[in-house]
Protein backbone atom coordinates (compact mmCIF):
# COMPACT_ATOMS: atom_id res chain seq x y z
CA PRO A 1 -186.45 -111.30 -64.45
CA ALA A 2 -187.29 -107.80 -63.28
CA SER A 3 -185.51 -106.34 -66.22
CA GLY A 4 -186.07 -104.05 -69.04
CA PRO A 5 -186.77 -103.75 -72.63
CA ALA A 6 -183.22 -104.72 -73.45
CA TYR A 7 -183.09 -107.51 -71.90
CA ALA A 8 -186.71 -109.26 -73.14
CA GLU A 9 -185.75 -108.34 -76.68
CA ARG A 10 -183.03 -110.98 -76.79
CA CYS A 11 -184.66 -113.07 -73.76
CA MET A 12 -187.95 -113.10 -73.95
CA LEU A 13 -189.01 -111.85 -77.21
CA PRO A 14 -187.47 -115.01 -79.42
CA LYS A 15 -190.10 -117.32 -77.20
CA VAL A 16 -193.30 -115.69 -78.86
CA PRO A 17 -194.81 -117.89 -80.86
CA GLU A 18 -194.69 -117.15 -84.44
CA GLY A 19 -198.47 -117.64 -85.05
CA ALA A 20 -199.33 -115.49 -81.66
CA GLY A 21 -202.44 -113.49 -82.31
CA LEU A 22 -202.33 -111.25 -79.57
CA VAL A 23 -199.02 -109.52 -77.84
CA LEU A 24 -198.84 -107.78 -74.42
CA MET A 25 -196.11 -105.28 -73.36
CA ASP A 26 -195.66 -104.86 -70.14
CA PHE A 27 -192.34 -101.84 -69.23
CA GLY A 28 -194.89 -100.07 -67.51
CA VAL A 29 -192.47 -100.56 -64.06
CA ASN A 30 -189.29 -102.05 -65.17
CA ASP A 31 -188.34 -99.21 -67.13
CA TYR A 32 -189.59 -96.43 -65.13
CA LEU A 33 -186.01 -95.62 -64.34
CA GLU A 34 -185.40 -93.93 -67.91
CA GLY A 35 -188.57 -92.26 -67.65
CA ARG A 36 -186.80 -88.87 -67.34
CA VAL A 37 -185.25 -90.26 -70.99
CA LEU A 38 -186.60 -90.10 -74.18
CA SER A 39 -183.91 -91.39 -76.46
CA HIS A 40 -182.29 -94.19 -74.77
CA PRO A 41 -180.77 -97.38 -75.07
CA GLU A 42 -183.99 -99.02 -73.27
CA ARG A 43 -186.54 -96.74 -75.38
CA HIS A 44 -184.85 -98.31 -78.47
CA ALA A 45 -185.12 -101.77 -77.54
CA TYR A 46 -188.81 -100.90 -76.62
CA GLU A 47 -189.38 -99.86 -79.89
CA ARG A 48 -187.40 -102.66 -81.79
CA MET A 49 -189.20 -105.34 -79.69
CA MET A 50 -192.68 -103.17 -81.19
CA ARG A 51 -191.40 -103.51 -84.98
CA TYR A 52 -190.26 -107.06 -84.39
CA THR A 53 -193.71 -108.25 -83.40
CA LEU A 54 -195.93 -105.53 -85.73
CA SER A 55 -193.61 -106.57 -88.73
CA ARG A 56 -194.92 -110.52 -88.14
CA PRO A 57 -196.73 -111.94 -91.42
CA HIS A 58 -199.72 -113.22 -89.00
CA ARG A 59 -199.42 -108.99 -87.84
CA PRO A 60 -200.41 -109.99 -84.41
CA ALA A 61 -202.30 -107.39 -82.24
CA LEU A 62 -200.44 -105.46 -79.77
CA ILE A 63 -201.55 -104.18 -76.68
CA MET A 64 -198.91 -101.77 -74.75
CA PHE A 65 -200.15 -102.83 -71.11
CA GLU A 66 -198.74 -100.12 -68.85
CA ALA A 67 -198.79 -101.38 -65.21
CA PHE A 68 -198.97 -98.84 -61.94
CA SER A 69 -196.83 -98.17 -59.09
CA TRP A 70 -197.59 -96.49 -56.59
CA GLY A 71 -194.33 -96.09 -54.80
CA GLN A 72 -192.62 -95.07 -57.63
CA THR A 73 -194.98 -91.46 -57.69
CA LEU A 74 -195.20 -91.44 -54.03
CA GLY A 75 -198.81 -91.47 -54.84
CA GLU A 76 -198.74 -88.68 -57.35
CA PHE A 77 -200.82 -88.98 -60.70
CA TYR A 78 -198.56 -87.91 -62.66
CA LEU A 79 -194.85 -87.22 -60.81
CA ASP A 80 -191.25 -88.60 -61.00
CA PRO A 81 -190.32 -88.90 -57.43
CA LEU A 82 -186.47 -88.53 -58.52
CA ASP A 83 -186.70 -85.43 -60.38
CA LYS A 84 -189.87 -84.52 -59.16
CA LYS A 85 -191.42 -83.27 -62.51
CA VAL A 86 -194.73 -84.36 -63.93
CA GLY A 87 -195.25 -86.48 -67.12
CA SER A 88 -191.53 -88.50 -66.80
CA MET A 89 -193.04 -91.87 -65.84
CA ALA A 90 -192.00 -94.43 -68.71
CA GLN A 91 -195.11 -95.33 -70.05
CA ASP A 92 -195.87 -91.19 -71.10
CA LYS A 93 -192.68 -91.96 -73.32
CA HIS A 94 -194.02 -95.32 -74.28
CA ARG A 95 -197.02 -93.25 -75.46
CA LEU A 96 -195.40 -91.42 -77.96
CA ILE A 97 -193.76 -94.47 -79.45
CA ALA A 98 -197.07 -96.38 -79.68
CA GLU A 99 -198.93 -93.01 -80.87
CA TYR A 100 -196.57 -92.69 -83.93
CA TYR A 101 -197.29 -96.72 -85.35
CA GLY A 102 -200.96 -95.78 -84.58
CA GLU A 103 -202.21 -99.59 -84.64
CA VAL A 104 -200.92 -99.98 -80.88
CA GLN A 105 -203.12 -100.01 -78.50
CA VAL A 106 -202.20 -98.58 -74.53
CA LEU A 107 -204.39 -100.13 -71.14
CA SER A 108 -203.17 -97.84 -68.13
CA VAL A 109 -203.59 -98.81 -65.16
CA ARG A 110 -202.71 -95.22 -63.88
CA ALA A 111 -205.47 -94.32 -65.83
CA ALA A 112 -208.22 -97.10 -65.07
CA LEU A 113 -207.39 -97.21 -60.98
CA TYR A 114 -205.76 -94.04 -59.69
CA HIS A 115 -208.91 -92.02 -58.54
CA LEU A 116 -210.55 -95.26 -56.90
CA MET A 117 -207.16 -96.11 -55.02
CA ALA A 118 -206.76 -92.42 -54.22
CA ALA A 119 -210.43 -91.96 -52.74
CA ASN A 120 -209.38 -95.04 -50.24
CA ASN A 121 -207.49 -94.64 -47.29
CA ASP A 122 -208.57 -97.57 -45.43
CA THR A 123 -205.72 -99.91 -45.62
CA SER A 124 -208.52 -102.65 -45.09
CA HIS A 125 -210.18 -101.73 -48.78
CA LEU A 126 -209.63 -104.01 -51.18
CA ILE A 127 -208.74 -101.22 -53.67
CA HIS A 128 -206.11 -99.62 -51.49
CA ILE A 129 -203.19 -99.60 -53.60
CA GLY A 130 -200.59 -98.68 -50.86
CA ALA A 131 -200.63 -101.44 -48.30
CA TRP A 132 -202.12 -105.03 -48.56
CA PRO A 133 -204.06 -106.21 -49.88
CA GLY A 134 -203.62 -104.94 -53.49
CA GLN A 135 -199.57 -104.91 -52.64
CA ASP A 136 -196.95 -107.40 -51.04
CA ASP A 137 -194.98 -103.52 -50.62
CA GLN A 138 -194.90 -100.27 -52.69
CA LEU A 139 -193.40 -101.35 -55.85
CA HIS A 140 -195.34 -105.19 -56.55
CA VAL A 141 -198.82 -106.04 -56.68
CA SER A 142 -200.26 -108.84 -54.85
CA LEU A 143 -202.18 -111.77 -56.13
CA LEU A 144 -205.40 -109.11 -55.85
CA GLY A 145 -203.47 -106.66 -57.61
CA HIS A 146 -202.98 -109.50 -60.91
CA ARG A 147 -206.38 -109.90 -60.64
CA TRP A 148 -207.13 -106.03 -61.46
CA TYR A 149 -204.78 -106.20 -64.34
CA ALA A 150 -205.97 -109.30 -65.69
CA ASP A 151 -209.92 -107.63 -65.28
CA LEU A 152 -208.71 -104.58 -67.20
CA ILE A 153 -207.06 -106.71 -69.92
CA ILE A 154 -210.18 -108.83 -70.01
CA SER A 155 -212.68 -106.13 -70.12
CA TYR A 156 -211.07 -104.24 -72.57
CA LEU A 157 -210.85 -107.16 -75.20
CA ARG A 158 -214.82 -107.89 -74.12
CA ASP A 159 -215.69 -104.32 -74.89
CA VAL A 160 -213.62 -104.46 -78.21
CA THR A 161 -215.11 -108.25 -79.46
CA VAL A 162 -218.86 -106.78 -78.72
CA GLY A 163 -218.33 -103.70 -80.24
CA LEU A 164 -216.78 -105.36 -83.44
CA LEU A 165 -219.78 -108.42 -83.50
CA GLY A 166 -222.20 -105.22 -83.20
CA ARG A 167 -220.53 -103.24 -86.49
CA TYR A 168 -221.02 -106.75 -88.33
CA MET A 169 -224.05 -107.40 -87.24
CA ALA A 170 -225.25 -103.93 -88.58
CA VAL A 171 -223.95 -104.75 -92.32
CA GLU A 172 -225.39 -107.81 -92.33
CA ALA A 173 -229.13 -105.94 -90.96
CA ALA A 174 -227.81 -103.48 -94.04
CA ARG A 175 -227.56 -105.61 -96.72
CA ALA A 176 -231.04 -107.62 -95.29
CA ALA A 177 -232.53 -104.13 -95.91
CA PRO A 178 -233.95 -103.32 -99.82
CA GLY A 179 -231.11 -101.89 -101.84
CA GLY A 180 -229.04 -101.61 -98.52
CA GLU A 181 -225.96 -102.97 -100.18
CA ALA A 182 -224.14 -99.53 -100.96
CA ALA A 183 -224.93 -99.13 -97.08
CA ALA A 184 -223.65 -102.19 -95.88
CA GLN A 185 -220.03 -102.02 -98.17
CA LEU A 186 -219.90 -98.55 -96.53
CA LEU A 187 -219.89 -100.22 -92.86
CA LEU A 188 -217.84 -102.81 -94.17
CA ALA A 189 -215.10 -100.43 -95.48
CA ARG A 190 -214.50 -98.90 -91.72
CA LEU A 191 -214.23 -102.28 -90.08
CA PRO A 192 -210.68 -103.78 -89.97
CA THR A 193 -209.93 -106.66 -92.30
CA PRO A 194 -206.88 -109.26 -91.00
CA PRO A 195 -204.55 -110.01 -93.63
CA ASP A 196 -205.21 -112.77 -95.57
CA ALA A 197 -202.06 -115.28 -94.17
CA ALA A 198 -201.79 -117.34 -98.34
CA ASP A 199 -201.99 -113.63 -99.96
CA VAL A 200 -199.00 -112.39 -97.37
CA SER A 201 -196.84 -115.89 -97.90
CA ALA A 202 -197.29 -115.66 -102.15
CA ASN A 203 -196.35 -111.99 -102.14
CA ALA A 204 -193.94 -111.15 -99.82
CA ASP A 205 -193.37 -107.60 -100.98
CA ALA A 206 -197.13 -106.80 -99.91
CA ALA A 207 -196.30 -108.16 -96.99
CA TYR A 208 -198.64 -106.73 -94.03
CA GLY A 209 -196.21 -104.70 -91.68
CA GLY A 210 -197.22 -102.51 -89.18
CA GLY A 211 -197.46 -99.61 -90.90
CA SER A 212 -200.86 -98.82 -90.43
CA GLY A 213 -200.44 -95.73 -88.01
CA GLY A 214 -199.39 -92.06 -88.31
CA ALA A 215 -200.94 -89.33 -90.46
CA ALA A 216 -200.74 -91.89 -93.33
CA GLY A 217 -203.06 -94.86 -91.95
CA GLY A 218 -203.83 -97.94 -94.35
CA VAL A 219 -201.65 -100.40 -95.32
CA LEU A 220 -197.98 -99.70 -96.26
CA LEU A 221 -197.33 -101.29 -100.05
CA PRO A 222 -194.47 -101.23 -102.04
CA ALA A 223 -194.45 -98.71 -104.50
CA GLU A 224 -192.63 -98.56 -107.95
CA GLY A 225 -189.41 -97.20 -108.09
CA GLY A 226 -189.06 -97.89 -104.55
CA GLY A 227 -190.64 -97.10 -101.03
CA CYS A 228 -194.13 -97.19 -99.96
CA GLN A 229 -197.48 -96.06 -100.82
CA VAL A 230 -200.50 -95.92 -99.20
CA GLN A 231 -203.97 -96.26 -101.29
CA GLY A 232 -206.23 -93.59 -101.20
CA ARG A 233 -209.84 -93.44 -102.67
CA ARG A 234 -210.94 -93.76 -106.40
CA GLY A 235 -207.18 -96.28 -106.67
CA ALA A 236 -205.13 -92.86 -105.97
CA ALA A 237 -201.98 -93.85 -104.24
CA PHE A 238 -199.41 -91.69 -102.10
CA PRO A 239 -196.24 -92.03 -101.40
CA VAL A 240 -194.97 -92.43 -97.53
CA ALA A 241 -191.80 -92.54 -96.04
CA CYS A 242 -191.03 -96.43 -94.67
CA SER A 243 -188.28 -98.92 -93.79
CA ASP A 244 -185.47 -100.12 -95.69
CA GLN A 245 -185.26 -103.57 -93.90
CA LEU A 246 -188.88 -104.56 -93.30
CA PRO A 247 -191.34 -104.39 -96.06
CA GLY A 248 -194.60 -102.57 -95.23
CA MET A 249 -193.32 -100.67 -91.96
CA LEU A 250 -192.75 -97.59 -90.90
CA PRO A 251 -189.42 -95.85 -90.71
CA PRO A 252 -188.16 -96.16 -87.41
CA PHE A 253 -189.53 -93.25 -84.44
CA PHE A 254 -185.82 -93.22 -83.26
CA ALA A 255 -183.06 -92.91 -86.08
CA ASP A 256 -181.61 -96.17 -87.52
CA ASN A 257 -183.22 -98.19 -85.01
CA GLU A 258 -184.11 -101.12 -87.31
CA VAL A 259 -184.51 -104.61 -85.80
CA HIS A 260 -181.46 -106.50 -85.50
CA PRO A 261 -180.10 -110.04 -85.52
CA PHE A 262 -177.31 -110.02 -83.67
CA GLY A 263 -177.67 -111.45 -79.67
CA VAL A 264 -177.21 -114.00 -77.43
CA CYS A 265 -179.51 -115.11 -75.24
CA ALA A 266 -178.89 -118.63 -73.14
CA VAL A 267 -180.10 -118.67 -69.84
CA GLU A 268 -180.93 -122.39 -67.81
CA GLU A 269 -181.94 -125.09 -70.44
CA ASP A 270 -180.86 -122.96 -73.41
CA LEU A 271 -177.13 -122.81 -71.77
CA GLN A 272 -176.41 -126.34 -72.67
CA GLY A 273 -176.35 -125.06 -76.74
CA LEU A 274 -173.55 -122.90 -76.09
CA VAL A 275 -171.19 -125.22 -73.50
CA ALA A 276 -167.61 -126.90 -75.28
CA LEU A 277 -166.87 -130.20 -74.17
CA PRO A 278 -165.33 -130.84 -72.67
CA HIS A 279 -166.15 -129.36 -69.40
CA PRO A 280 -163.97 -130.97 -66.26
CA GLY A 281 -165.10 -130.46 -62.61
CA PHE A 282 -168.55 -129.11 -63.89
CA GLU A 283 -172.03 -131.06 -63.76
CA TRP A 284 -175.73 -129.47 -64.82
CA ILE A 285 -177.71 -129.71 -61.92
CA ASP A 286 -181.51 -128.70 -61.38
CA GLU A 287 -180.63 -127.66 -57.56
CA SER A 288 -184.28 -126.97 -57.40
CA GLN A 289 -186.70 -128.98 -54.45
CA ASP A 290 -189.88 -128.24 -56.55
CA SER A 291 -190.44 -130.41 -59.02
CA GLU A 292 -192.61 -127.59 -60.99
CA TYR A 293 -190.43 -125.15 -60.97
CA HIS A 294 -186.36 -125.42 -61.87
CA LYS A 295 -182.79 -124.34 -60.64
CA TRP A 296 -180.91 -125.54 -63.71
CA GLY A 297 -176.51 -124.77 -64.49
CA TYR A 298 -173.83 -125.91 -65.01
CA VAL A 299 -172.23 -126.50 -61.28
CA ALA A 300 -168.58 -126.94 -59.86
CA ARG A 301 -166.93 -127.49 -56.85
CA GLU A 302 -163.13 -127.89 -57.25
CA PRO A 303 -160.83 -125.35 -57.77
CA GLY A 304 -159.58 -125.50 -61.07
CA SER A 305 -162.94 -126.76 -62.85
CA VAL A 306 -163.20 -125.13 -66.21
CA LEU A 307 -166.37 -124.48 -68.13
CA THR A 308 -166.23 -123.41 -71.72
CA LEU A 309 -169.12 -121.06 -73.42
CA SER A 310 -168.80 -121.07 -77.70
CA VAL A 311 -170.71 -117.36 -78.39
CA PRO A 312 -171.55 -116.99 -81.71
CA MET A 313 -170.09 -113.54 -82.78
CA ALA A 314 -169.84 -112.86 -86.28
CA ARG A 315 -167.79 -109.16 -87.10
CA ASP A 316 -170.18 -108.76 -89.78
CA ALA A 317 -173.69 -109.10 -87.48
CA VAL A 318 -171.59 -107.26 -85.25
CA ASP A 319 -171.00 -104.13 -87.37
CA SER A 320 -174.69 -104.35 -88.55
CA ALA A 321 -176.28 -104.08 -85.34
CA HIS A 322 -173.93 -101.91 -84.07
CA ALA A 323 -175.30 -99.45 -87.45
CA SER A 324 -178.55 -100.27 -86.48
CA VAL A 325 -178.60 -99.02 -82.61
CA HIS A 326 -175.74 -96.41 -82.64
CA ASN A 327 -176.88 -94.16 -85.52
CA GLY A 328 -175.23 -96.34 -88.36
CA ARG A 329 -171.80 -96.28 -86.37
CA THR A 330 -170.10 -99.84 -85.88
CA LYS A 331 -167.88 -100.66 -83.37
CA SER A 332 -166.71 -103.92 -82.05
CA THR A 333 -168.16 -103.99 -78.95
CA VAL A 334 -170.13 -106.73 -77.55
CA PHE A 335 -171.90 -106.36 -74.10
CA GLY A 336 -171.80 -109.79 -72.13
CA TYR A 337 -173.36 -110.47 -68.83
CA LEU A 338 -172.82 -113.82 -67.37
CA ILE A 339 -175.64 -114.97 -65.03
CA TYR A 340 -174.26 -117.01 -61.78
CA LEU A 341 -175.03 -118.00 -58.46
CA GLN A 342 -174.10 -115.72 -55.39
CA SER A 343 -175.13 -117.54 -51.94
CA TYR A 344 -173.70 -117.55 -48.09
CA HIS A 345 -172.62 -120.64 -47.99
CA GLY A 346 -169.33 -122.43 -49.26
CA MET A 347 -169.31 -120.65 -52.75
CA GLY A 348 -166.17 -119.93 -54.48
CA GLU A 349 -164.11 -117.68 -56.77
CA ALA A 350 -164.31 -117.86 -60.80
CA ASN A 351 -161.90 -116.34 -63.09
CA VAL A 352 -163.12 -115.52 -67.06
CA THR A 353 -161.39 -115.24 -70.28
CA CYS A 354 -162.01 -114.81 -73.78
CA ASP A 355 -160.29 -116.18 -76.92
CA ALA A 356 -161.16 -116.75 -80.62
CA ALA A 357 -163.28 -114.59 -82.76
CA CYS A 358 -163.34 -112.08 -79.41
CA SER A 359 -160.93 -110.28 -76.67
CA CYS A 360 -161.66 -109.35 -73.49
CA LYS A 361 -160.52 -108.03 -70.15
CA PRO A 362 -159.51 -111.11 -67.80
CA PHE A 363 -161.43 -110.73 -64.62
CA SER A 364 -162.88 -112.85 -61.80
CA ILE A 365 -165.90 -113.27 -59.86
CA ASP A 366 -166.62 -113.80 -56.27
CA ALA A 367 -169.88 -116.09 -55.64
CA HIS A 368 -169.83 -115.54 -51.83
CA ASN A 369 -172.45 -113.59 -50.49
CA LYS A 370 -172.22 -111.80 -47.25
CA ALA A 371 -176.01 -111.24 -46.69
CA HIS A 372 -177.86 -114.13 -45.78
CA VAL A 373 -179.71 -114.91 -49.43
CA SER A 374 -179.28 -116.89 -52.86
CA ILE A 375 -179.69 -114.65 -55.57
CA PRO A 376 -178.83 -114.81 -59.46
CA GLN A 377 -176.05 -112.41 -60.32
CA LEU A 378 -174.62 -110.42 -63.30
CA ALA A 379 -171.04 -109.90 -63.85
CA MET A 380 -170.95 -107.18 -66.52
CA PHE A 381 -168.02 -107.21 -69.35
CA GLN A 382 -167.05 -106.07 -72.45
CA MET A 383 -165.77 -108.42 -75.36
CA TRP A 384 -164.68 -107.18 -78.90
CA ALA A 385 -165.43 -109.05 -81.80
CA GLN A 386 -162.22 -109.91 -83.85
CA SER A 387 -161.89 -110.03 -87.78
CA ARG A 388 -162.35 -113.62 -89.82
CA GLU A 389 -158.68 -113.16 -91.28
CA TYR A 390 -157.49 -112.75 -87.78
CA HIS A 391 -159.16 -115.83 -86.07
CA GLY A 392 -160.87 -117.57 -88.78
CA GLU A 393 -163.63 -118.37 -87.01
CA ASP A 394 -166.68 -116.75 -85.91
CA VAL A 395 -167.10 -118.63 -82.88
CA CYS A 396 -166.32 -116.55 -79.26
CA GLN A 397 -164.45 -118.77 -76.42
CA LEU A 398 -165.52 -117.62 -72.87
CA ARG A 399 -163.43 -119.95 -70.33
CA ILE A 400 -164.45 -119.68 -67.01
CA THR A 401 -161.93 -121.41 -64.43
CA VAL A 402 -163.01 -121.84 -60.54
CA LEU A 403 -159.63 -120.77 -58.33
CA PRO A 404 -158.50 -121.90 -55.08
CA THR A 405 -159.37 -118.57 -53.57
CA THR A 406 -162.32 -118.10 -51.47
CA ASN A 407 -163.76 -115.57 -48.84
CA SER A 408 -166.09 -118.86 -47.38
CA ASP A 409 -166.15 -122.32 -46.44
CA GLY A 410 -166.00 -124.03 -50.09
CA HIS A 411 -165.35 -123.33 -53.75
CA LYS A 412 -168.59 -123.94 -55.42
CA PHE A 413 -169.48 -121.98 -58.68
CA LYS A 414 -172.76 -122.12 -60.19
CA VAL A 415 -173.39 -120.98 -63.90
CA ILE A 416 -176.62 -120.08 -64.94
CA GLY A 417 -176.61 -118.19 -68.37
CA LEU A 418 -175.02 -115.90 -70.74
CA THR A 419 -176.58 -112.93 -72.31
CA ALA A 420 -174.63 -110.60 -75.41
CA SER A 421 -176.03 -107.92 -77.49
CA ALA A 422 -174.29 -104.81 -79.18
CA GLN A 423 -176.26 -102.21 -76.51
CA ASP A 424 -175.32 -102.85 -73.18
CA ILE A 425 -178.40 -103.61 -71.20
CA TRP A 426 -178.92 -100.70 -69.17
CA HIS A 427 -181.72 -101.49 -66.89
CA ILE A 428 -179.88 -104.73 -65.83
CA GLY A 429 -176.98 -103.31 -65.11
CA ASN A 430 -178.62 -100.73 -62.73
CA THR A 431 -180.95 -102.89 -60.88
CA PHE A 432 -178.50 -105.13 -60.03
CA LYS A 433 -175.58 -102.92 -59.17
CA ILE A 434 -172.44 -105.51 -59.60
CA GLY A 435 -170.05 -107.01 -62.07
CA ILE A 436 -166.90 -106.23 -64.01
CA HIS A 437 -166.82 -103.68 -66.48
CA ALA A 438 -163.82 -104.21 -68.90
CA ARG A 439 -162.50 -101.24 -70.25
């Protein structure tokens, strides 16, 4: 979906293969509403995604790909049209975070293509970004636009590969020359050396993380007596500030913004793992007419149908998550987003309540859409985690009941997914402008 880092942190990041060698983060457009503010929940989630990626044992390469929307900037290179200030696009804030970690590469469509786009006013020209063929509209690029993006990434990776091969060939050439081993070693010392997976597994304390950036440079290693150090020349070591939670990582760019484990994302097929049995009146159905693309969800058509979602909600995990995203403060609040189908024909209403390990203010959802469109929508609400002494378990029961009332000619209600986090997914709520806010 067209959503920002907070949603991606919970619903997309866990799907990245553990052994991935290259990860691209692309939020140049979908994070643009927050470009005017540096310290923002969406920006905090952006950094946590970077920290999670850079702390993987295989230490994947990370590229920050910054797409560019002609419409969002009114055709200007460096302008936010919402407040008419320069330097307010999201990528200008992303770059600060990338510079802090050092080893994150930045690919900017704005920097690469802006002058080509601005020089062509002919709408039939291939590089004219303001209309077809470059864009379907002034926000989304067309298939040709995506080809530009792919070419930019491929060209960059090709240049890096050719450059590295050339430098390694220079090392071999130096070794082949009489007395050239010293020169070869000097050249080799300037080349990146990937971590050895066996060494990382054998010594977790010296695991490679994302700490090769900042002023210190080099890989951060544990120091005697705590903290971290970076190796200098002739065996010297220098103390460096580092993370308390991720070995080999710099401290967070934003204070206390450590990666935290709490969060739930269960959309379409993953939703089945949360559904408690029985679920009278609700059926697991794929409503797609296309065999390649699916539209799974739990569908009910009769009033009184009940679907119960069992949401993991350990109070200590919630408190830990809050401490990492709210400067050490712990709270019991959990932000939930129930994803459902909103359509124009035969859609009904449902009531939502909470029980067991959480409480929430009951609310109702109307799935009828007056506009002639069918789209997934979000009902935003708050839950409060209860202590284990109070409820005896760590599972919140979210109960969805189809109501007898309706604003259409039917009672259909389709549940597509649920996300829950200690942090409000600000971008999603402000994009859809719908949902119910509990107290």
